[in-house]
Every structure is written in C-alpha cells, then in structure tokens.
Amino acid sequence: MGILADMGIGKIPPKALIDDGKEVKLTLTNIEYGESKSGRNMFSVILEPDDYPNADSIFEYLVFPINGDSARTASRFLYAIQNFCQAFGIPPETDPEDILALEDAKGRKAWAIVKIDKGSADF
C-alpha cells in the first residue's frame, strides 16, 4: 500500500459544509493579539463549529480602528470587537495584550450566524 492509503485517505468521512447564514454553536480555540499586514492591531481568532466535526475551522480577524478611519469604519470595527467579546464573555475592560485573559477565553462557547467568505478556496 502507498503512504496515502496507509494514512486512511479514502476512508475519511465527507467534509461538512456549513450553510451561509446558519446559526452555529462555536468554540473559541485560539485568540491572539497582534498586528495585521497593514500594521493595524487586531485579534486573530480560530473558532470550531461544535456540531460539524468534519467542517473547517473558522478564522476571524477583528481589526482595531486607527486614526484616520472614518467614524463609520471605526464604529464597524468596534461593533465587531464588542459583539465578539460579549458573545464569548470577555470583559470589555480586558487589555488586549493581557495574554492570560486571552488564554482564559479559550474553550468558551457562543452562538453565531456564519457568513461564508465567497473569496476563499474550498478544495
């Protein structure tokens, strides 16, 4: 047998796809505070859909506003961060650089409506 067959390729269950707009229970598996390629501060988040064990992880980037953003853009970024923190029970006074607070958030669960990014590849 070849290495792929030895690994079980061909015997794995089909990949699960989550329908766009579906409400899904998610587990926060990773959250990091860092900087985007464009230099903005952001949270980089990985979420696992609880009821879809064969679905891909969900990657979310919560970008912080910067000076020069329009009021509308800044509000959009802040609403996304606020909604995420409320959903996963992260207190709003948490310092984004507080690694222990972010570690404590891992494993928390929340419900979210999944929106599919049409620009991503799905093999």
Protein backbone atom coordinates (compact mmCIF):
# COMPACT_ATOMS: atom_id res chain seq x y z
CA MET A 1 0.00 0.00 0.00
CA GLY A 2 1.04 3.58 -0.55
CA ILE A 3 1.56 6.19 2.13
CA LEU A 4 -1.76 7.92 1.39
CA ALA A 5 -3.70 4.68 1.78
CA ASP A 6 -1.80 3.94 4.98
CA MET A 7 -2.92 7.33 6.32
CA GLY A 8 -6.56 6.42 5.67
CA ILE A 9 -7.12 8.65 2.64
CA GLY A 10 -10.32 7.48 1.01
CA LYS A 11 -11.82 6.28 4.30
CA ILE A 12 -12.42 9.63 5.95
CA PRO A 13 -15.98 10.92 6.27
CA PRO A 14 -17.07 13.60 3.82
CA LYS A 15 -16.23 17.17 4.68
CA ALA A 16 -19.11 19.03 6.30
CA LEU A 17 -20.11 22.39 4.87
CA ILE A 18 -21.97 24.96 6.92
CA ASP A 19 -24.71 26.79 5.06
CA ASP A 20 -24.31 30.55 4.69
CA GLY A 21 -26.47 32.35 7.25
CA LYS A 22 -26.82 29.32 9.56
CA GLU A 23 -26.72 29.83 13.32
CA VAL A 24 -23.94 27.64 14.73
CA LYS A 25 -22.52 26.98 18.19
CA LEU A 26 -18.80 27.76 18.15
CA THR A 27 -15.91 27.02 20.48
CA LEU A 28 -13.12 29.58 20.74
CA THR A 29 -9.96 27.51 20.28
CA ASN A 30 -7.41 30.27 19.77
CA ILE A 31 -7.22 34.04 20.17
CA GLU A 32 -4.11 36.14 19.72
CA TYR A 33 -3.50 39.86 19.77
CA GLY A 34 -1.16 41.07 17.08
CA GLU A 35 -0.67 43.24 14.07
CA SER A 36 -2.15 42.85 10.60
CA LYS A 37 -0.05 43.02 7.44
CA SER A 38 -1.19 46.63 7.06
CA GLY A 39 0.01 47.50 10.57
CA ARG A 40 -3.34 47.58 12.37
CA ASN A 41 -3.77 45.98 15.79
CA MET A 42 -6.14 43.04 15.69
CA PHE A 43 -7.37 39.85 17.30
CA SER A 44 -6.73 36.73 15.25
CA VAL A 45 -9.34 34.14 16.20
CA ILE A 46 -9.91 30.46 15.43
CA LEU A 47 -13.36 29.00 16.07
CA GLU A 48 -14.54 25.40 15.80
CA PRO A 49 -18.17 24.64 14.87
CA ASP A 50 -19.38 22.27 17.60
CA ASP A 51 -21.97 20.32 15.63
CA TYR A 52 -19.84 19.97 12.49
CA PRO A 53 -16.81 17.86 13.40
CA ASN A 54 -15.81 17.49 9.74
CA ALA A 55 -16.10 21.19 8.90
CA ASP A 56 -13.15 23.52 8.53
CA SER A 57 -12.17 25.81 11.36
CA ILE A 58 -13.45 29.37 11.11
CA PHE A 59 -10.78 32.07 11.03
CA GLU A 60 -11.80 35.58 12.02
CA TYR A 61 -9.77 38.77 12.16
CA LEU A 62 -11.10 41.52 14.42
CA VAL A 63 -9.34 44.71 13.39
CA PHE A 64 -8.95 47.74 15.63
CA PRO A 65 -9.65 51.21 14.24
CA ILE A 66 -6.82 53.69 13.73
CA ASN A 67 -6.58 57.45 13.49
CA GLY A 68 -7.76 58.46 10.05
CA ASP A 69 -10.57 55.91 9.85
CA SER A 70 -13.97 57.44 9.17
CA ALA A 71 -16.42 57.38 12.07
CA ARG A 72 -18.43 54.75 10.19
CA THR A 73 -15.40 52.48 9.65
CA ALA A 74 -14.20 52.87 13.23
CA SER A 75 -17.69 52.06 14.55
CA ARG A 76 -17.91 48.95 12.34
CA PHE A 77 -14.60 47.65 13.71
CA LEU A 78 -15.57 48.45 17.31
CA TYR A 79 -19.01 46.82 16.99
CA ALA A 80 -17.42 43.62 15.71
CA ILE A 81 -14.96 43.51 18.62
CA GLN A 82 -17.68 44.40 21.14
CA ASN A 83 -20.08 41.75 19.84
CA PHE A 84 -17.35 39.10 19.84
CA CYS A 85 -16.26 39.95 23.40
CA GLN A 86 -19.85 39.92 24.67
CA ALA A 87 -20.59 36.60 22.97
CA PHE A 88 -17.55 34.88 24.47
CA GLY A 89 -17.71 36.57 27.88
CA ILE A 90 -14.55 38.63 27.52
CA PRO A 91 -14.93 41.71 29.77
CA PRO A 92 -14.72 44.99 27.82
CA GLU A 93 -12.06 46.31 30.19
CA THR A 94 -9.68 43.48 29.23
CA ASP A 95 -6.33 44.74 27.97
CA PRO A 96 -5.81 43.19 24.50
CA GLU A 97 -2.18 42.50 25.40
CA ASP A 98 -3.18 40.54 28.55
CA ILE A 99 -2.13 37.07 27.40
CA LEU A 100 -3.58 35.35 30.49
CA ALA A 101 -7.02 36.89 29.92
CA LEU A 102 -6.95 35.73 26.31
CA GLU A 103 -5.82 32.24 27.34
CA ASP A 104 -8.70 32.13 29.83
CA ALA A 105 -11.16 32.81 27.00
CA LYS A 106 -10.11 29.70 25.09
CA GLY A 107 -12.70 26.96 25.25
CA ARG A 108 -15.63 29.32 25.70
CA LYS A 109 -18.67 28.80 23.54
CA ALA A 110 -21.06 31.16 21.77
CA TRP A 111 -23.72 31.10 19.07
CA ALA A 112 -23.07 32.96 15.83
CA ILE A 113 -24.57 33.28 12.39
CA VAL A 114 -21.95 32.06 9.94
CA LYS A 115 -21.33 34.13 6.83
CA ILE A 116 -19.35 32.40 4.11
CA ASP A 117 -16.47 34.36 2.56
CA LYS A 118 -17.06 33.94 -1.16
CA GLY A 119 -13.41 34.67 -1.92
CA SER A 120 -11.98 31.71 -0.03
CA ALA A 121 -10.94 28.49 -1.66
CA ASP A 122 -12.65 25.24 -0.72
CA PHE A 123 -10.91 22.18 -2.12
